[in-house]
C-alpha cells in the first residue's frame, strides 16, 4: 500500500517536472511546491516508511498488536501526506497549516512505532541510520509546519525558509539513502557494538544535518562550516566500509544491486556539491546560484533516493524489473542519463539540454513505476481476502 501510494504521488511530481523542464507550462508557486512535496513526502517519505517497516520486521514475526499499530500508522501517514499534497496544490495557506499539522501527527506516530521496534531487533548500522534519518525528518516536519504558519501570516522567523529544506534534504535524505543502500548491499551487517566506524559514520552525518539547520536558523557562520568536515568524514567512512560491496555490485549485470550501488555513489556527489556550496556561499546564501540548489535537490531526490527506492520496490515486487530485462535498462540508464543531462543543463544554463533530458528522466521514471505498479497491484489482489 505504501509503495503504491508513494508511486501515485510521485507521478504528480514527475508530470509537473516534465512540463516544467520543457517550459511548456508556467506553473504557479503553489504548483511548484506541490511538485516538491509530492516528491519529498509523497514518494520518498512513504517509501522510506515502507522500508522502515520492512527493516524492523525482517527476521522476526510481529504479534497481532504490533501489526495493527503498524497498519494504522502506515495508513494514517499515507492519507495525511496525500491530503497535505492536495493542500499545496489548492494553494490555501490555512488548509496547508491544518493538513501540515495532520501530516506531522502521522509522521510522529509512525516514527514512535519505529523507535519502539529497536527493542525487538538487533541494532545494525542501517537500522541506526534510518532512525537518525526519521529523527531529522521529524525536526524538518516541525519546521515545515512553522513555515506554513509563517506563510499564513504568523510572524516567526524568515530563516525557516532556508532551515526547513536544508533539514529535509541534508539531515533526512542523505541518512535515509545511506541506510537503504547499506542495508541491501551488505547482506549480513554487524551489530552496532561490533561496528564502531559505522556508528561514527551515522553520528557525523546526523550532526552535519543538525549543525547546518542550526547555523541557518541562528545565523551562526561557524555552525554552517562545521557541516563540511562532518559530512566529508562521514561519507569517507561510508565509502571505506562499503568498498568491497560496491566493487561486487554487478555494474554490468541487469540486477537491482547496481541501483543501490549507484545511490551510494550519488551520496558522495551530493556531499561534494554541498561542501562546495557551503565553502563558497555560507556567508551569503542569497548569492548562491539557483542552478546549484536545483542540482543538489535533483541529485538527492533522483540520484540517491529514487535509485535506492527503485531497487527496494523491485525486491518487494519479486523482481518486476528482472521479469522485463528492458525495464532494468530503463531504470538504470534511462533515468540516470536523464538526470545527469538535466543537471549538466542546469549547471551550464543550457536550456536545450534541460528540455532534452527532463522528459528522458521523467518518462523513464513513469515507465519503471508502471512496471512496478502492475506487479504490486497484482500481488496485493492475490493476498487480499
Protein backbone atom coordinates (compact mmCIF):
# COMPACT_ATOMS: atom_id res chain seq x y z
CA UNK A 1 0.00 0.00 0.00
CA UNK A 2 2.77 2.44 0.93
CA UNK A 3 4.75 1.76 -2.23
CA UNK A 4 1.68 2.07 -4.47
CA UNK A 5 0.54 5.31 -2.81
CA UNK A 6 4.08 6.68 -2.97
CA UNK A 7 4.32 5.98 -6.69
CA UNK A 8 0.91 7.54 -7.34
CA UNK A 9 2.04 10.77 -5.69
CA UNK A 10 5.40 10.61 -7.44
CA UNK A 11 3.52 10.58 -10.75
CA UNK A 12 2.27 14.09 -9.91
CA UNK A 13 5.84 15.24 -9.26
CA UNK A 14 7.14 13.70 -12.48
CA UNK A 15 4.41 15.12 -14.72
CA UNK A 16 4.91 18.64 -13.36
CA UNK A 17 8.67 18.17 -13.70
CA UNK A 18 8.46 17.11 -17.36
CA UNK A 19 6.22 20.03 -18.32
CA UNK A 20 8.33 22.48 -16.34
CA UNK A 21 11.56 21.14 -17.80
CA UNK A 22 10.15 21.55 -21.31
CA UNK A 23 8.98 25.10 -20.42
CA UNK A 24 5.53 24.21 -21.74
CA UNK A 25 3.63 25.41 -18.67
CA UNK A 26 4.25 28.43 -16.45
CA UNK A 27 3.47 26.82 -13.10
CA UNK A 28 2.36 28.84 -10.10
CA UNK A 29 4.35 28.85 -6.84
CA UNK A 30 1.73 26.56 -5.27
CA UNK A 31 2.05 24.06 -8.11
CA UNK A 32 5.84 24.05 -7.84
CA UNK A 33 5.53 23.43 -4.08
CA UNK A 34 3.22 20.54 -4.97
CA UNK A 35 5.96 19.20 -7.25
CA UNK A 36 8.48 19.31 -4.38
CA UNK A 37 6.26 17.94 -1.60
CA UNK A 38 4.63 15.19 -3.68
CA UNK A 39 8.19 14.02 -4.30
CA UNK A 40 9.80 14.53 -0.90
CA UNK A 41 6.87 13.47 1.28
CA UNK A 42 4.62 11.56 -1.11
CA UNK A 43 7.18 9.44 -2.93
CA UNK A 44 10.28 9.41 -0.75
CA UNK A 45 8.83 9.52 2.77
CA UNK A 46 6.07 6.97 2.21
CA UNK A 47 8.59 4.65 0.52
CA UNK A 48 11.05 5.21 3.38
CA UNK A 49 8.25 4.27 5.80
CA UNK A 50 7.75 1.07 3.81
CA UNK A 51 11.50 0.41 4.03
CA UNK A 52 11.38 1.02 7.79
CA UNK A 53 8.51 -1.46 8.25
CA UNK A 54 10.46 -3.99 6.23
CA UNK A 55 13.78 -3.32 8.00
CA UNK A 56 12.36 -3.65 11.53
CA UNK A 57 10.22 -6.71 10.82
CA UNK A 58 12.90 -8.61 8.90
CA UNK A 59 13.82 -11.91 10.51
CA UNK A 60 11.02 -11.89 13.10
CA UNK A 61 7.27 -12.28 13.44
CA UNK A 62 5.26 -9.29 14.62
CA UNK A 63 2.47 -10.04 17.06
CA UNK A 64 -1.12 -9.03 16.30
CA UNK A 65 -0.99 -5.75 18.23
CA UNK A 66 2.24 -4.70 16.52
CA UNK A 67 0.69 -5.44 13.14
CA UNK A 68 -2.44 -3.45 13.97
CA UNK A 69 -0.39 -0.43 15.06
CA UNK A 70 1.91 -0.69 12.04
CA UNK A 71 -1.04 -0.79 9.62
CA UNK A 72 -2.79 2.06 11.43
CA UNK A 73 0.23 4.36 11.36
CA UNK A 74 1.07 3.45 7.76
CA UNK A 75 -2.48 4.19 6.58
CA UNK A 76 -2.61 7.39 8.60
CA UNK A 77 0.69 8.56 7.06
CA UNK A 78 -0.45 7.75 3.52
CA UNK A 79 -3.77 9.59 3.94
CA UNK A 80 -2.33 12.60 5.76
CA UNK A 81 0.53 13.14 3.30
CA UNK A 82 -1.81 12.78 0.31
CA UNK A 83 -4.10 15.43 1.82
CA UNK A 84 -1.10 17.67 2.52
CA UNK A 85 -0.03 17.46 -1.13
CA UNK A 86 -3.58 18.38 -2.19
CA UNK A 87 -3.47 21.38 0.16
CA UNK A 88 -0.33 22.62 -1.60
CA UNK A 89 -2.00 22.16 -4.98
CA UNK A 90 -5.06 24.16 -3.89
CA UNK A 91 -2.81 26.91 -2.57
CA UNK A 92 -4.89 27.72 0.51
CA UNK A 93 -2.46 28.67 3.31
CA UNK A 94 -4.93 27.89 6.11
CA UNK A 95 -5.59 24.42 4.70
CA UNK A 96 -1.83 23.92 4.37
CA UNK A 97 -1.34 24.60 8.07
CA UNK A 98 -4.17 22.22 9.05
CA UNK A 99 -3.02 19.42 6.74
CA UNK A 100 0.59 20.07 7.75
CA UNK A 101 -0.30 19.55 11.40
CA UNK A 102 -2.13 16.32 10.48
CA UNK A 103 0.86 15.10 8.46
CA UNK A 104 3.18 15.98 11.35
CA UNK A 105 1.00 13.93 13.71
CA UNK A 106 1.05 10.97 11.33
CA UNK A 107 4.82 11.21 10.83
CA UNK A 108 5.39 11.45 14.58
CA UNK A 109 3.14 8.44 15.23
CA UNK A 110 4.98 6.29 12.70
CA UNK A 111 8.38 7.35 14.00
CA UNK A 112 7.25 6.48 17.52
CA UNK A 113 6.38 2.98 16.28
CA UNK A 114 9.80 2.63 14.64
CA UNK A 115 11.64 3.81 17.74
CA UNK A 116 9.85 1.21 19.86
CA UNK A 117 10.87 -1.58 17.48
CA UNK A 118 14.55 -1.12 18.27
CA UNK A 119 13.94 -3.09 21.49
CA UNK A 120 12.91 -6.16 19.47
CA UNK A 121 15.69 -6.35 16.88
CA UNK A 122 19.46 -6.42 16.75
CA UNK A 123 20.55 -2.86 16.03
CA UNK A 124 22.78 -2.54 12.96
CA UNK A 125 24.21 0.50 11.19
CA UNK A 126 21.38 0.62 8.59
CA UNK A 127 18.76 0.47 11.35
CA UNK A 128 20.58 3.13 13.35
CA UNK A 129 20.87 5.31 10.23
CA UNK A 130 17.17 5.01 9.37
CA UNK A 131 16.21 6.02 12.93
CA UNK A 132 18.57 9.01 12.70
CA UNK A 133 17.02 9.90 9.34
CA UNK A 134 13.49 9.68 10.77
CA UNK A 135 14.54 11.91 13.66
CA UNK A 136 15.76 14.52 11.18
CA UNK A 137 12.51 14.08 9.24
CA UNK A 138 10.51 14.85 12.38
CA UNK A 139 12.57 18.01 13.02
CA UNK A 140 12.14 19.03 9.39
CA UNK A 141 8.40 18.40 9.56
CA UNK A 142 8.09 20.61 12.64
CA UNK A 143 9.98 23.36 10.81
CA UNK A 144 7.67 22.83 7.84
CA UNK A 145 4.56 23.41 9.94
CA UNK A 146 6.15 26.54 11.43
CA UNK A 147 6.98 27.69 7.91
CA UNK A 148 3.35 27.16 6.96
CA UNK A 149 2.31 29.38 9.86
CA UNK A 150 4.85 31.98 8.73
CA UNK A 151 3.37 31.88 5.22
CA UNK A 152 -0.13 32.21 6.68
CA UNK A 153 0.86 35.47 8.38
CA UNK A 154 2.23 34.43 11.79
CA UNK A 155 5.48 36.29 12.45
CA UNK A 156 8.00 33.58 13.41
CA UNK A 157 11.31 33.71 11.51
CA UNK A 158 12.15 34.18 7.85
CA UNK A 159 15.13 31.86 8.35
CA UNK A 160 12.70 28.95 8.29
CA UNK A 161 12.68 29.33 4.51
CA UNK A 162 16.27 28.06 4.47
CA UNK A 163 16.34 25.81 7.53
CA UNK A 164 13.35 23.64 6.54
CA UNK A 165 14.59 22.47 3.11
CA UNK A 166 18.17 22.10 4.40
CA UNK A 167 16.99 19.78 7.18
CA UNK A 168 14.85 17.71 4.83
CA UNK A 169 17.46 17.35 2.09
CA UNK A 170 20.70 17.07 4.09
CA UNK A 171 19.67 15.87 7.54
CA UNK A 172 16.99 13.45 6.39
CA UNK A 173 17.53 12.24 2.83
CA UNK A 174 21.28 11.60 2.91
CA UNK A 175 20.91 9.42 6.00
CA UNK A 176 17.87 7.61 4.58
CA UNK A 177 19.64 6.90 1.30
CA UNK A 178 22.72 5.69 3.14
CA UNK A 179 20.63 3.41 5.36
CA UNK A 180 18.80 1.74 2.45
CA UNK A 181 21.89 1.37 0.25
CA UNK A 182 23.97 -0.23 3.01
CA UNK A 183 21.06 -2.44 4.12
CA UNK A 184 20.74 -4.02 0.69
CA UNK A 185 24.44 -4.05 -0.24
CA UNK A 186 25.60 -5.72 3.00
CA UNK A 187 23.52 -8.91 3.46
CA UNK A 188 24.86 -9.76 6.94
CA UNK A 189 25.61 -6.50 8.77
CA UNK A 190 27.36 -6.48 12.11
CA UNK A 191 25.65 -5.40 15.30
CA UNK A 192 26.49 -1.79 16.12
CA UNK A 193 28.53 -2.93 19.13
CA UNK A 194 30.93 -4.56 16.67
CA UNK A 195 30.95 -1.73 14.13
CA UNK A 196 32.14 1.46 15.79
CA UNK A 197 33.18 3.01 12.48
CA UNK A 198 29.57 2.65 11.34
CA UNK A 199 28.31 4.41 14.47
CA UNK A 200 30.73 7.29 13.87
CA UNK A 201 29.60 7.45 10.24
CA UNK A 202 25.93 7.83 11.19
CA UNK A 203 26.70 10.25 14.04
CA UNK A 204 28.73 12.55 11.79
CA UNK A 205 26.07 12.78 9.09
CA UNK A 206 23.35 13.33 11.69
CA UNK A 207 25.40 16.06 13.38
CA UNK A 208 26.15 17.57 9.97
CA UNK A 209 22.43 17.97 9.33
CA UNK A 210 21.83 19.44 12.79
CA UNK A 211 24.69 21.96 12.55
CA UNK A 212 23.50 23.07 9.12
CA UNK A 213 19.95 23.59 10.38
CA UNK A 214 21.07 25.49 13.50
CA UNK A 215 23.59 27.52 11.53
CA UNK A 216 20.86 28.73 9.17
CA UNK A 217 18.26 29.27 11.91
CA UNK A 218 20.60 31.13 14.26
CA UNK A 219 22.74 32.74 11.54
CA UNK A 220 25.92 31.35 13.09
CA UNK A 221 28.68 31.00 10.50
CA UNK A 222 30.88 28.50 12.44
CA UNK A 223 27.95 26.07 12.73
CA UNK A 224 27.45 26.20 8.96
CA UNK A 225 31.10 25.46 8.28
CA UNK A 226 31.11 22.57 10.78
CA UNK A 227 28.80 20.75 8.40
CA UNK A 228 31.60 20.31 5.85
CA UNK A 229 34.05 18.18 7.89
CA UNK A 230 31.19 16.19 9.46
CA UNK A 231 29.74 15.28 6.05
CA UNK A 232 33.07 14.65 4.31
CA UNK A 233 34.47 12.43 7.07
CA UNK A 234 31.16 10.59 7.44
CA UNK A 235 30.89 9.84 3.73
CA UNK A 236 34.57 8.87 3.66
CA UNK A 237 33.96 6.25 6.36
CA UNK A 238 30.91 5.03 4.41
CA UNK A 239 32.99 4.52 1.25
CA UNK A 240 35.75 2.67 3.10
CA UNK A 241 33.28 0.39 4.88
CA UNK A 242 31.38 -0.42 1.65
CA UNK A 243 34.31 -0.59 -0.76
CA UNK A 244 34.00 -4.35 -1.28
CA UNK A 245 30.19 -4.45 -1.73
CA UNK A 246 30.48 -1.57 -4.22
CA UNK A 247 33.09 -3.49 -6.23
CA UNK A 248 30.84 -6.56 -6.28
CA UNK A 249 27.70 -4.64 -7.22
CA UNK A 250 27.36 -6.17 -10.67
CA UNK A 251 27.66 -2.96 -12.67
CA UNK A 252 27.35 -4.79 -15.99
CA UNK A 253 24.54 -7.11 -14.90
CA UNK A 254 20.83 -6.39 -15.07
CA UNK A 255 20.14 -6.87 -11.36
CA UNK A 256 18.94 -4.25 -8.90
CA UNK A 257 22.17 -4.30 -6.86
CA UNK A 258 23.70 -1.67 -9.12
CA UNK A 259 20.81 0.68 -8.31
CA UNK A 260 21.78 0.56 -4.61
CA UNK A 261 25.45 0.99 -5.53
CA UNK A 262 24.70 3.97 -7.78
CA UNK A 263 22.67 5.51 -4.96
CA UNK A 264 25.76 5.21 -2.74
CA UNK A 265 27.92 6.97 -5.34
CA UNK A 266 25.41 9.78 -5.70
CA UNK A 267 25.70 10.25 -1.95
CA UNK A 268 29.35 11.14 -2.48
CA UNK A 269 28.48 13.55 -5.31
CA UNK A 270 25.87 15.27 -3.14
CA UNK A 271 28.21 15.73 -0.19
CA UNK A 272 30.81 17.26 -2.52
CA UNK A 273 28.21 19.62 -4.01
CA UNK A 274 27.08 20.59 -0.52
CA UNK A 275 30.67 21.24 0.59
CA UNK A 276 31.21 23.44 -2.47
CA UNK A 277 28.05 25.39 -1.68
CA UNK A 278 28.96 25.99 1.97
CA UNK A 279 32.62 26.85 1.35
CA UNK A 280 31.72 29.39 -1.34
CA UNK A 281 28.39 30.81 -0.20
CA UNK A 282 27.92 30.17 3.55
CA UNK A 283 28.45 33.85 4.34
CA UNK A 284 25.83 34.93 1.80
CA UNK A 285 23.33 32.23 0.81
CA UNK A 286 21.39 34.72 -1.31
CA UNK A 287 24.35 34.84 -3.69
CA UNK A 288 24.15 31.09 -4.32
CA UNK A 289 23.30 30.45 -7.99
CA UNK A 290 19.90 28.81 -8.39
CA UNK A 291 21.36 26.02 -10.52
CA UNK A 292 23.40 24.81 -7.54
CA UNK A 293 20.30 24.37 -5.37
CA UNK A 294 18.41 22.65 -8.19
CA UNK A 295 21.35 20.37 -9.00
CA UNK A 296 21.71 19.41 -5.33
CA UNK A 297 17.98 18.75 -4.93
CA UNK A 298 17.59 16.60 -8.05
CA UNK A 299 20.75 14.60 -7.45
CA UNK A 300 19.47 13.77 -3.95
CA UNK A 301 15.85 13.10 -4.91
CA UNK A 302 16.61 11.03 -8.02
CA UNK A 303 20.26 10.01 -7.79
CA UNK A 304 20.32 8.97 -4.15
CA UNK A 305 16.75 8.21 -3.15
CA UNK A 306 14.95 7.08 -6.31
CA UNK A 307 17.76 4.72 -7.32
CA UNK A 308 17.72 3.15 -3.85
CA UNK A 309 13.94 3.03 -3.62
CA UNK A 310 13.51 1.58 -7.12
CA UNK A 311 15.92 -1.18 -6.11
CA UNK A 312 13.85 -1.78 -2.99
CA UNK A 313 10.49 -1.75 -4.81
CA UNK A 314 11.94 -4.22 -7.29
CA UNK A 315 12.74 -6.60 -4.44
CA UNK A 316 9.32 -6.05 -2.85
CA UNK A 317 7.65 -6.88 -6.17
CA UNK A 318 9.55 -10.13 -6.50
CA UNK A 319 11.83 -8.89 -9.28
CA UNK A 320 9.47 -6.97 -11.57
CA UNK A 321 12.44 -5.49 -13.44
CA UNK A 322 14.12 -8.87 -13.89
CA UNK A 323 10.93 -10.16 -15.50
CA UNK A 324 11.32 -7.44 -18.14
CA UNK A 325 15.00 -7.03 -18.98
CA UNK A 326 14.36 -3.83 -20.93
CA UNK A 327 12.78 -2.23 -17.84
CA UNK A 328 16.02 -2.80 -15.89
CA UNK A 329 17.92 -0.82 -18.52
CA UNK A 330 15.33 1.96 -18.46
CA UNK A 331 15.66 2.24 -14.67
CA UNK A 332 19.46 2.28 -14.67
CA UNK A 333 20.40 4.04 -17.91
CA UNK A 334 17.30 6.00 -18.91
CA UNK A 335 16.60 7.63 -15.58
CA UNK A 336 20.23 8.30 -14.65
CA UNK A 337 21.33 9.51 -18.08
CA UNK A 338 18.33 11.84 -18.00
CA UNK A 339 19.31 13.04 -14.52
CA UNK A 340 22.95 13.68 -15.47
CA UNK A 341 21.99 15.51 -18.65
CA UNK A 342 19.40 17.58 -16.80
CA UNK A 343 21.91 18.54 -14.06
CA UNK A 344 24.51 19.48 -16.68
CA UNK A 345 21.86 21.63 -18.35
CA UNK A 346 21.20 23.35 -15.02
CA UNK A 347 24.89 23.89 -14.35
CA UNK A 348 25.66 25.28 -17.79
CA UNK A 349 22.36 27.17 -18.11
CA UNK A 350 21.78 25.41 -21.43
CA UNK A 351 18.02 25.39 -21.94
CA UNK A 352 18.28 22.88 -24.80
CA UNK A 353 19.90 20.28 -22.54
CA UNK A 354 17.29 20.80 -19.85
CA UNK A 355 14.47 20.44 -22.37
CA UNK A 356 16.02 17.30 -23.85
CA UNK A 357 16.87 15.41 -20.67
CA UNK A 358 13.93 16.37 -18.39
CA UNK A 359 11.50 14.20 -20.42
CA UNK A 360 14.09 11.41 -20.76
CA UNK A 361 14.39 11.26 -16.97
CA UNK A 362 10.67 11.71 -16.33
CA UNK A 363 9.37 9.24 -18.91
CA UNK A 364 11.89 6.63 -17.75
CA UNK A 365 10.63 7.02 -14.18
CA UNK A 366 6.99 6.71 -15.30
CA UNK A 367 7.73 3.54 -17.30
CA UNK A 368 9.51 1.87 -14.39
CA UNK A 369 6.74 2.82 -11.96
CA UNK A 370 4.13 1.37 -14.31
CA UNK A 371 6.03 -1.94 -14.34
CA UNK A 372 6.21 -1.92 -10.54
CA UNK A 373 2.57 -0.91 -10.07
CA UNK A 374 1.27 -3.73 -12.26
CA UNK A 375 3.25 -6.31 -10.31
CA UNK A 376 2.47 -4.86 -6.85
CA UNK A 377 -1.22 -4.41 -7.58
CA UNK A 378 -1.40 -8.00 -8.80
CA UNK A 379 0.29 -9.31 -5.65
CA UNK A 380 -1.94 -7.16 -3.43
CA UNK A 381 -5.05 -8.56 -5.12
CA UNK A 382 -3.72 -12.09 -4.77
CA UNK A 383 -3.33 -11.85 -0.99
CA UNK A 384 -6.42 -9.75 -0.20
CA UNK A 385 -9.27 -11.93 1.18
